[in-house]
Amino acid sequence: MIAGGFAANPASAAIPSITIWVDAPRLPGAQAYAAAMKGKVNAKVELHDQADMLRKVNLFNRVKKGWPDVVFGPPNDVGPLMDASYALALDKYAPASFWKDVAPFNGWCKLSTGEYMCVKDDIAQTLLWVNTKLMKDFGYTVPKTMKEFAAIGADIAANHNGYSLGALGDLGMYSSYLWPSQCPLNEAKSGDLVRIAPKSPKCTRVASLLQPMVNSGVLSTSAAWDADFIENFAKPNKVVMTIGPSWFGEYIIRPASSWNVPAGQMTAEEMPLWEGEKVNYSGEWGGGIYTVSRHYKTPKVAMDFIKFMISDKRVVVDAKNPDGSRGVVTYPASLAGVKLWQDKLNKDKYYAKTPIPAMNAAGAKIYGGEKFVSYDSWGSMQGAFGADFKKNKDVQAAIDAAAKTLSSLAEKLGYKVQTS
């Protein structure tokens, strides 16, 4: 048996090989797999930029060779990789126990036919990250609604100049605000119909609530890792709260090379509730996927690798990262992996209180109206929204600009676009 127990490997059989493409955060885990499988699987691990994947697959399709066997990439890659005749339906290559383990997190990869075309590596549910020291210093309580969140923003602008509630650049606006508000900018209704309606009340309420905080500087047009935001707000420890994904804690807030917030100050709370709603939905900022090549001859080996990455202690807890830390920085898309990861974080003295309860609750509340499409919706939204927003600082105008770009892309690929 190979590590996860999917692929039989009789002594007389040839040792299987696998070529794996991953990004930098996944590299330590993939290397741990290669080391663990030495003599059982010949694993070739390669570091690749996620943005290059689709271009390279199209090149391999033209020359009829060169495809990697399994790749890690952004969530929306699954649609284009299916269109490029790369992604393999995975259901029959792993036992029912595996699909049960990943079922709560893997709706993104599941077609209406019930087939799984990818497997999630992690989920990136959005949360309210809170600096408990600053909240106490300023006399604030954790907001339960977006209206209360905005009221704190107004008070910061009036009484605590120079402090921040976070950054909206990159995918910050979309994943942290528009998606949880159920704004239909990428609402796939069927295989050929997508709803892109920037004037929906679910979108305009976001613009109305956030624009005053953008005007006052309480919300930045930069990204959370941009040099100006780090210099002006993060490094001086002036971010009172911010909405961001579950990986913000380990990847953005904690590292000395990033925000470097002192130990004992930060934790995570659930998302505030939008007015008129019954569920405080989360969005998702990331949550990468593994896809397996339909050209690969031993897909059970690929599934074994995926299981190792999302649920094995040697990756989730023990893998050594370049900065000296151990384990993954993202919330695993596996019940077994989550158990290991939450045990690790619950023992961690960095947080003011464990963020795990908020993460677990938010993980079950990612709004499901967002689905993958055959065009790069996230990348296009990031580019179109970000460029307009940085230039004009007008939230609704930037939403409209993103919608225009998305509609054009959708129509070029044969989608019908519903605008209301």
Protein backbone atom coordinates (compact mmCIF):
# COMPACT_ATOMS: atom_id res chain seq x y z
CA MET A 1 0.00 0.00 0.00
CA ILE A 2 1.06 3.57 -0.67
CA ALA A 3 0.75 6.00 2.26
CA GLY A 4 -2.96 6.86 2.00
CA GLY A 5 -3.98 3.33 1.11
CA PHE A 6 -5.47 3.95 -2.33
CA ALA A 7 -2.99 2.31 -4.69
CA ALA A 8 -1.89 -1.30 -4.49
CA ASN A 9 1.81 -1.71 -5.11
CA PRO A 10 2.83 -5.40 -5.33
CA ALA A 11 6.51 -6.04 -4.93
CA SER A 12 6.66 -7.30 -8.50
CA ALA A 13 5.13 -4.15 -9.96
CA ALA A 14 7.21 -1.32 -11.32
CA ILE A 15 7.60 1.65 -9.01
CA PRO A 16 5.10 4.30 -10.17
CA SER A 17 6.21 7.83 -10.98
CA ILE A 18 4.42 11.12 -10.51
CA THR A 19 5.23 14.70 -11.53
CA ILE A 20 3.77 17.25 -9.13
CA TRP A 21 3.44 20.99 -9.63
CA VAL A 22 2.94 23.14 -6.52
CA ASP A 23 3.36 26.73 -5.39
CA ALA A 24 5.77 27.87 -2.66
CA PRO A 25 3.49 27.34 0.39
CA ARG A 26 2.74 23.77 -0.72
CA LEU A 27 6.37 22.93 -1.56
CA PRO A 28 7.48 21.71 1.92
CA GLY A 29 4.54 19.30 2.09
CA ALA A 30 5.14 17.96 -1.41
CA GLN A 31 8.81 17.46 -0.59
CA ALA A 32 7.81 15.60 2.59
CA TYR A 33 5.66 13.31 0.43
CA ALA A 34 8.53 12.65 -1.96
CA ALA A 35 10.82 11.77 0.96
CA ALA A 36 8.22 9.54 2.63
CA MET A 37 7.53 7.65 -0.60
CA LYS A 38 11.17 7.08 -1.58
CA GLY A 39 11.45 3.55 -2.92
CA LYS A 40 7.66 3.29 -3.32
CA VAL A 41 6.85 6.18 -5.63
CA ASN A 42 9.26 8.20 -7.75
CA ALA A 43 7.92 11.67 -7.03
CA LYS A 44 9.25 14.63 -9.00
CA VAL A 45 8.22 17.87 -7.28
CA GLU A 46 8.41 21.13 -9.22
CA LEU A 47 7.77 24.70 -8.08
CA HIS A 48 5.55 26.61 -10.50
CA ASP A 49 3.75 29.94 -10.49
CA GLN A 50 0.01 29.32 -10.37
CA ALA A 51 -0.56 31.97 -13.04
CA ASP A 52 1.46 29.97 -15.60
CA MET A 53 -0.55 26.77 -15.36
CA LEU A 54 -3.25 27.34 -17.99
CA ARG A 55 -0.83 28.74 -20.55
CA LYS A 56 1.50 25.77 -20.13
CA VAL A 57 -1.28 23.19 -20.33
CA ASN A 58 -2.44 24.70 -23.61
CA LEU A 59 1.14 24.44 -24.87
CA PHE A 60 1.36 20.79 -23.80
CA ASN A 61 -1.94 20.11 -25.56
CA ARG A 62 -0.46 21.42 -28.80
CA VAL A 63 2.69 19.29 -28.61
CA LYS A 64 0.83 16.29 -27.11
CA LYS A 65 3.26 15.80 -24.22
CA GLY A 66 4.69 17.37 -21.06
CA TRP A 67 1.59 17.48 -18.87
CA PRO A 68 2.24 17.36 -15.10
CA ASP A 69 0.37 14.55 -13.38
CA VAL A 70 -1.13 16.60 -10.56
CA VAL A 71 -1.15 20.35 -10.05
CA PHE A 72 -2.03 22.77 -7.30
CA GLY A 73 -3.70 25.97 -8.45
CA PRO A 74 -6.32 28.63 -7.75
CA PRO A 75 -9.93 27.47 -7.39
CA ASN A 76 -11.19 28.83 -10.67
CA ASP A 77 -8.61 26.87 -12.67
CA VAL A 78 -10.87 23.82 -12.64
CA GLY A 79 -13.21 25.26 -15.30
CA PRO A 80 -10.50 26.20 -17.81
CA LEU A 81 -8.63 22.93 -17.13
CA MET A 82 -11.78 20.99 -17.91
CA ASP A 83 -12.18 22.97 -21.13
CA ALA A 84 -8.54 22.24 -21.97
CA SER A 85 -9.21 18.48 -21.67
CA TYR A 86 -6.79 18.24 -18.75
CA ALA A 87 -8.81 17.69 -15.57
CA LEU A 88 -9.81 14.11 -14.76
CA ALA A 89 -13.02 13.10 -12.96
CA LEU A 90 -11.72 11.65 -9.69
CA ASP A 91 -14.56 9.80 -8.01
CA LYS A 92 -13.51 6.22 -8.81
CA TYR A 93 -9.88 6.71 -7.83
CA ALA A 94 -10.41 7.09 -4.09
CA PRO A 95 -12.55 5.13 -1.61
CA ALA A 96 -15.80 6.37 -0.10
CA SER A 97 -13.99 7.10 3.18
CA PHE A 98 -11.85 9.72 1.43
CA TRP A 99 -14.83 11.47 -0.15
CA LYS A 100 -16.62 11.44 3.20
CA ASP A 101 -13.59 13.08 4.81
CA VAL A 102 -13.50 15.94 2.28
CA ALA A 103 -17.25 16.27 1.61
CA PRO A 104 -17.87 19.28 3.92
CA PHE A 105 -15.24 21.32 2.07
CA ASN A 106 -15.37 20.09 -1.50
CA GLY A 107 -18.60 21.47 -2.94
CA TRP A 108 -16.61 23.78 -5.17
CA CYS A 109 -15.14 20.81 -7.08
CA LYS A 110 -18.40 18.89 -7.46
CA LEU A 111 -20.34 19.08 -10.71
CA SER A 112 -24.14 18.98 -10.89
CA THR A 113 -23.67 15.40 -12.14
CA GLY A 114 -22.05 14.51 -8.81
CA GLU A 115 -18.54 14.07 -10.22
CA TYR A 116 -15.55 15.61 -8.48
CA MET A 117 -13.21 17.35 -10.93
CA CYS A 118 -10.71 18.50 -8.29
CA VAL A 119 -9.96 18.26 -4.58
CA LYS A 120 -9.61 21.25 -2.31
CA ASP A 121 -6.28 21.64 -0.55
CA ASP A 122 -7.60 24.14 1.95
CA ILE A 123 -10.48 26.48 2.53
CA ALA A 124 -10.02 30.19 2.99
CA GLN A 125 -13.17 31.23 4.80
CA THR A 126 -13.27 34.91 5.71
CA LEU A 127 -13.27 35.95 9.35
CA LEU A 128 -13.13 39.09 11.45
CA TRP A 129 -9.54 39.31 12.71
CA VAL A 130 -9.50 41.36 15.90
CA ASN A 131 -6.67 43.06 17.79
CA THR A 132 -7.97 42.52 21.32
CA LYS A 133 -5.52 45.01 22.85
CA LEU A 134 -6.56 47.88 20.59
CA MET A 135 -10.23 47.00 20.97
CA LYS A 136 -9.85 47.21 24.75
CA ASP A 137 -7.78 50.40 24.59
CA PHE A 138 -10.46 52.12 22.50
CA GLY A 139 -13.43 50.68 24.38
CA TYR A 140 -14.87 48.71 21.44
CA THR A 141 -16.77 45.45 21.54
CA VAL A 142 -16.66 42.91 18.73
CA PRO A 143 -19.25 43.96 16.11
CA LYS A 144 -21.98 41.44 15.42
CA THR A 145 -23.31 43.29 12.37
CA MET A 146 -21.79 45.17 9.46
CA LYS A 147 -23.62 48.28 10.68
CA GLU A 148 -21.73 48.02 13.99
CA PHE A 149 -18.50 47.45 12.05
CA ALA A 150 -19.11 50.68 10.12
CA ALA A 151 -19.90 52.55 13.34
CA ILE A 152 -16.50 51.57 14.72
CA GLY A 153 -14.97 52.78 11.46
CA ALA A 154 -16.65 56.16 11.88
CA ASP A 155 -15.42 56.41 15.47
CA ILE A 156 -11.86 55.56 14.45
CA ALA A 157 -11.97 58.29 11.81
CA ALA A 158 -13.23 60.82 14.35
CA ASN A 159 -11.21 59.88 17.42
CA HIS A 160 -8.27 57.63 16.50
CA ASN A 161 -6.74 59.11 13.38
CA GLY A 162 -4.17 56.86 11.73
CA TYR A 163 -5.74 53.56 12.75
CA SER A 164 -7.25 51.12 10.29
CA LEU A 165 -9.90 48.48 9.68
CA GLY A 166 -7.90 46.86 6.91
CA ALA A 167 -7.18 46.91 3.19
CA LEU A 168 -9.46 46.34 0.22
CA GLY A 169 -6.91 45.79 -2.56
CA ASP A 170 -6.16 42.54 -4.40
CA LEU A 171 -9.20 40.32 -3.64
CA GLY A 172 -9.89 41.95 -0.27
CA MET A 173 -13.02 43.77 -1.39
CA TYR A 174 -14.44 40.85 -3.30
CA SER A 175 -13.75 37.95 -0.94
CA SER A 176 -14.23 39.81 2.33
CA TYR A 177 -17.22 42.00 1.52
CA LEU A 178 -18.91 41.39 -1.85
CA TRP A 179 -18.98 37.60 -1.66
CA PRO A 180 -20.29 37.43 1.97
CA SER A 181 -22.92 40.02 0.97
CA GLN A 182 -24.02 37.65 -1.83
CA CYS A 183 -23.22 40.25 -4.50
CA PRO A 184 -23.83 38.49 -7.85
CA LEU A 185 -20.67 39.20 -9.81
CA ASN A 186 -19.94 35.57 -10.58
CA GLU A 187 -23.17 33.69 -9.95
CA ALA A 188 -23.11 30.74 -12.33
CA LYS A 189 -26.74 29.75 -12.86
CA SER A 190 -25.97 26.90 -15.26
CA GLY A 191 -23.28 25.77 -17.67
CA ASP A 192 -24.01 28.64 -20.05
CA LEU A 193 -25.70 31.28 -17.89
CA VAL A 194 -23.99 33.57 -15.38
CA ARG A 195 -25.50 36.42 -13.38
CA ILE A 196 -23.36 39.56 -13.23
CA ALA A 197 -25.51 42.26 -11.66
CA PRO A 198 -23.45 45.04 -10.01
CA LYS A 199 -26.54 47.14 -9.28
CA SER A 200 -28.09 44.40 -7.16
CA PRO A 201 -28.89 45.65 -3.63
CA LYS A 202 -26.51 42.95 -2.38
CA CYS A 203 -23.71 44.86 -4.18
CA THR A 204 -24.79 48.46 -3.70
CA ARG A 205 -25.13 48.01 0.06
CA VAL A 206 -21.43 47.11 0.19
CA ALA A 207 -20.48 50.28 -1.64
CA SER A 208 -22.73 52.45 0.52
CA LEU A 209 -21.38 51.02 3.77
CA LEU A 210 -17.69 51.08 2.85
CA GLN A 211 -17.36 54.33 0.89
CA PRO A 212 -17.27 56.60 3.99
CA MET A 213 -14.47 54.48 5.47
CA VAL A 214 -12.55 54.65 2.20
CA ASN A 215 -13.00 58.42 2.14
CA SER A 216 -11.69 58.74 5.72
CA GLY A 217 -8.73 56.41 5.13
CA VAL A 218 -9.95 53.85 7.67
CA LEU A 219 -10.09 51.34 4.81
CA SER A 220 -7.12 51.31 2.44
CA THR A 221 -7.21 50.89 -1.34
CA SER A 222 -3.95 48.93 -1.08
CA ALA A 223 -3.58 45.22 -0.39
CA ALA A 224 -2.82 43.87 3.07
CA TRP A 225 0.77 43.05 2.02
CA ASP A 226 1.55 46.22 0.07
CA ALA A 227 4.53 48.17 1.37
CA ASP A 228 2.53 51.34 2.06
CA PHE A 229 -0.10 49.51 4.11
CA ILE A 230 2.49 47.63 6.13
CA GLU A 231 4.52 50.78 6.77
CA ASN A 232 1.57 53.01 7.71
CA PHE A 233 -0.69 50.59 9.56
CA ALA A 234 0.51 47.01 10.02
CA LYS A 235 4.05 47.41 11.36
CA PRO A 236 3.04 50.21 13.78
CA ASN A 237 0.30 47.83 14.99
CA LYS A 238 -2.56 50.14 14.06
CA VAL A 239 -4.97 47.63 12.50
CA VAL A 240 -7.83 47.46 15.00
CA MET A 241 -9.77 44.85 13.03
CA THR A 242 -9.74 43.46 9.52
CA ILE A 243 -11.87 41.04 7.57
CA GLY A 244 -9.69 38.46 5.89
CA PRO A 245 -9.29 34.73 5.23
CA SER A 246 -8.34 32.03 7.70
CA TRP A 247 -4.75 32.08 6.44
CA PHE A 248 -4.26 35.73 7.43
CA GLY A 249 -3.26 34.76 10.96
CA GLU A 250 -0.33 32.52 10.07
CA TYR A 251 0.62 34.10 6.74
CA ILE A 252 0.02 37.85 7.10
CA ILE A 253 -0.57 38.92 10.70
CA ARG A 254 2.00 36.86 12.56
CA PRO A 255 5.23 36.69 10.49
CA ALA A 256 8.02 39.11 11.39
CA SER A 257 8.47 39.79 7.68
CA SER A 258 4.83 40.91 7.39
CA TRP A 259 2.61 42.60 10.01
CA ASN A 260 4.58 41.21 12.97
CA VAL A 261 1.74 41.81 15.45
CA PRO A 262 2.97 40.92 18.96
CA ALA A 263 1.86 37.68 20.58
CA GLY A 264 -1.23 37.68 22.77
CA GLN A 265 -3.15 40.35 20.85
CA MET A 266 -4.87 38.81 17.83
CA THR A 267 -7.75 36.40 17.47
CA ALA A 268 -10.54 35.70 15.01
CA GLU A 269 -14.28 36.11 15.37
CA GLU A 270 -17.10 35.18 13.03
CA MET A 271 -18.15 37.50 10.22
CA PRO A 272 -20.51 40.33 11.08
CA LEU A 273 -24.07 39.97 9.76
CA TRP A 274 -25.33 42.08 6.87
CA GLU A 275 -28.58 43.92 7.62
CA GLY A 276 -31.69 41.94 6.73
CA GLU A 277 -29.86 38.59 6.63
CA LYS A 278 -30.27 35.55 8.85
CA VAL A 279 -26.86 33.99 8.14
CA ASN A 280 -23.51 35.72 8.62
CA TYR A 281 -21.96 34.29 5.49
CA SER A 282 -18.25 34.08 4.80
CA GLY A 283 -16.56 34.49 1.47
CA GLU A 284 -13.46 32.64 0.42
CA TRP A 285 -10.09 34.13 -0.47
CA GLY A 286 -8.10 31.32 -1.98
CA GLY A 287 -8.77 27.74 -1.04
CA GLY A 288 -6.57 26.11 -3.65
CA ILE A 289 -7.33 22.93 -5.57
CA TYR A 290 -5.55 19.86 -6.87
CA THR A 291 -6.41 18.64 -10.35
CA VAL A 292 -5.18 15.41 -11.86
CA SER A 293 -4.26 14.96 -15.52
CA ARG A 294 -6.46 12.72 -17.63
CA HIS A 295 -3.21 11.73 -19.37
CA TYR A 296 -1.77 10.21 -16.16
CA LYS A 297 -1.71 6.41 -16.12
CA THR A 298 -1.88 5.84 -12.33
CA PRO A 299 -4.38 8.38 -10.93
CA LYS A 300 -4.73 6.46 -7.67
CA VAL A 301 -1.17 7.53 -6.87
CA ALA A 302 -2.16 11.15 -7.47
CA MET A 303 -5.10 10.77 -5.09
CA ASP A 304 -2.78 9.23 -2.53
CA PHE A 305 -0.54 12.30 -2.80
CA ILE A 306 -3.52 14.62 -2.36
CA LYS A 307 -4.64 12.74 0.75
CA PHE A 308 -1.13 13.02 2.16
CA MET A 309 -1.11 16.79 1.57
CA ILE A 310 -4.42 17.55 3.26
CA SER A 311 -4.57 15.05 6.11
CA ASP A 312 -1.17 13.64 7.03
CA LYS A 313 0.56 14.88 10.19
CA ARG A 314 3.88 14.99 8.32
CA VAL A 315 2.46 17.87 6.27
CA VAL A 316 -0.26 19.49 8.37
CA VAL A 317 1.82 19.75 11.56
CA ASP A 318 5.43 18.79 10.90
CA ALA A 319 6.51 20.08 7.47
CA LYS A 320 9.30 22.62 7.90
CA ASN A 321 8.72 25.95 6.18
CA PRO A 322 11.49 28.27 4.92
CA ASP A 323 10.91 30.71 7.80
CA GLY A 324 11.47 27.94 10.35
CA SER A 325 7.82 27.48 11.25
CA ARG A 326 6.18 24.07 11.09
CA GLY A 327 3.05 22.81 9.38
CA VAL A 328 0.60 24.36 6.95
CA VAL A 329 -0.62 27.94 7.25
CA THR A 330 -4.05 27.21 5.80
CA TYR A 331 -7.19 25.50 7.12
CA PRO A 332 -7.12 21.98 5.61
CA ALA A 333 -10.00 20.83 3.39
CA SER A 334 -10.18 17.52 5.24
CA LEU A 335 -11.87 16.61 8.52
CA ALA A 336 -8.81 14.59 9.52
CA GLY A 337 -6.52 17.47 8.56
CA VAL A 338 -8.63 20.00 10.46
CA LYS A 339 -8.38 17.87 13.60
CA LEU A 340 -4.57 17.91 13.39
CA TRP A 341 -4.45 21.62 12.55
CA GLN A 342 -6.81 22.74 15.29
CA ASP A 343 -4.88 20.73 17.86
CA LYS A 344 -1.75 22.56 16.70
CA LEU A 345 -3.35 26.02 16.90
CA ASN A 346 -5.13 25.34 20.18
CA LYS A 347 -1.72 24.75 21.78
CA ASP A 348 -0.27 27.88 20.22
CA LYS A 349 0.29 30.74 22.66
CA TYR A 350 0.49 33.37 19.93
CA TYR A 351 -3.24 34.11 19.81
CA ALA A 352 -5.15 36.02 22.47
CA LYS A 353 -7.61 33.14 22.30
CA THR A 354 -7.79 30.26 19.87
CA PRO A 355 -9.27 31.30 16.51
CA ILE A 356 -10.40 27.75 15.78
CA PRO A 357 -14.07 28.05 16.92
CA ALA A 358 -14.60 31.04 14.63
CA MET A 359 -12.84 29.25 11.77
CA ASN A 360 -14.94 26.12 12.21
CA ALA A 361 -18.17 28.11 12.29
CA ALA A 362 -17.23 30.24 9.29
CA GLY A 363 -16.13 27.21 7.30
CA ALA A 364 -19.71 25.99 7.32
CA LYS A 365 -21.06 29.38 6.18
CA ILE A 366 -19.20 30.09 2.94
CA TYR A 367 -21.89 31.46 0.64
CA GLY A 368 -22.46 28.86 -2.06
CA GLY A 369 -23.70 31.13 -4.84
CA GLU A 370 -20.15 31.56 -6.16
CA LYS A 371 -19.20 28.74 -8.56
CA PHE A 372 -16.35 28.15 -10.96
CA VAL A 373 -16.71 29.25 -14.58
CA SER A 374 -14.65 28.76 -17.74
CA TYR A 375 -12.88 32.12 -17.52
CA ASP A 376 -10.53 33.58 -14.94
CA SER A 377 -13.15 35.44 -12.96
CA TRP A 378 -11.01 36.00 -9.87
CA GLY A 379 -7.97 37.23 -11.74
CA SER A 380 -10.05 39.52 -13.92
CA MET A 381 -11.99 40.85 -10.96
CA GLN A 382 -8.77 41.50 -9.09
CA GLY A 383 -7.26 43.38 -12.01
CA ALA A 384 -10.29 45.35 -13.17
CA PHE A 385 -11.58 46.24 -9.72
CA GLY A 386 -8.16 46.97 -8.27
CA ALA A 387 -7.00 49.28 -11.04
CA ASP A 388 -10.16 51.37 -11.03
CA PHE A 389 -10.42 51.44 -7.24
CA LYS A 390 -6.81 52.49 -6.71
CA LYS A 391 -7.23 55.30 -9.22
CA ASN A 392 -10.66 56.69 -8.32
CA LYS A 393 -11.32 55.39 -4.77
CA ASP A 394 -14.99 54.94 -5.75
CA VAL A 395 -16.28 51.59 -4.53
CA GLN A 396 -19.37 51.32 -6.73
CA ALA A 397 -17.53 52.53 -9.83
CA ALA A 398 -14.88 49.87 -9.27
CA ILE A 399 -17.56 47.18 -8.84
CA ASP A 400 -19.11 48.34 -12.13
CA ALA A 401 -15.71 48.21 -13.85
CA ALA A 402 -15.15 44.65 -12.66
CA ALA A 403 -18.64 43.64 -13.82
CA LYS A 404 -18.01 45.10 -17.27
CA THR A 405 -14.79 43.11 -17.66
CA LEU A 406 -16.41 39.91 -16.39
CA SER A 407 -19.40 40.28 -18.68
CA SER A 408 -17.13 40.71 -21.69
CA LEU A 409 -15.13 37.61 -20.80
CA ALA A 410 -18.25 35.55 -20.21
CA GLU A 411 -19.86 36.56 -23.49
CA LYS A 412 -16.70 35.78 -25.47
CA LEU A 413 -16.85 32.22 -24.13
CA GLY A 414 -20.51 31.80 -25.03
CA TYR A 415 -22.16 32.54 -21.71
CA LYS A 416 -25.43 34.36 -21.52
CA VAL A 417 -25.12 37.18 -18.98
CA GLN A 418 -28.02 38.03 -16.68
CA THR A 419 -27.63 41.63 -15.51
CA SER A 420 -30.53 41.95 -13.07
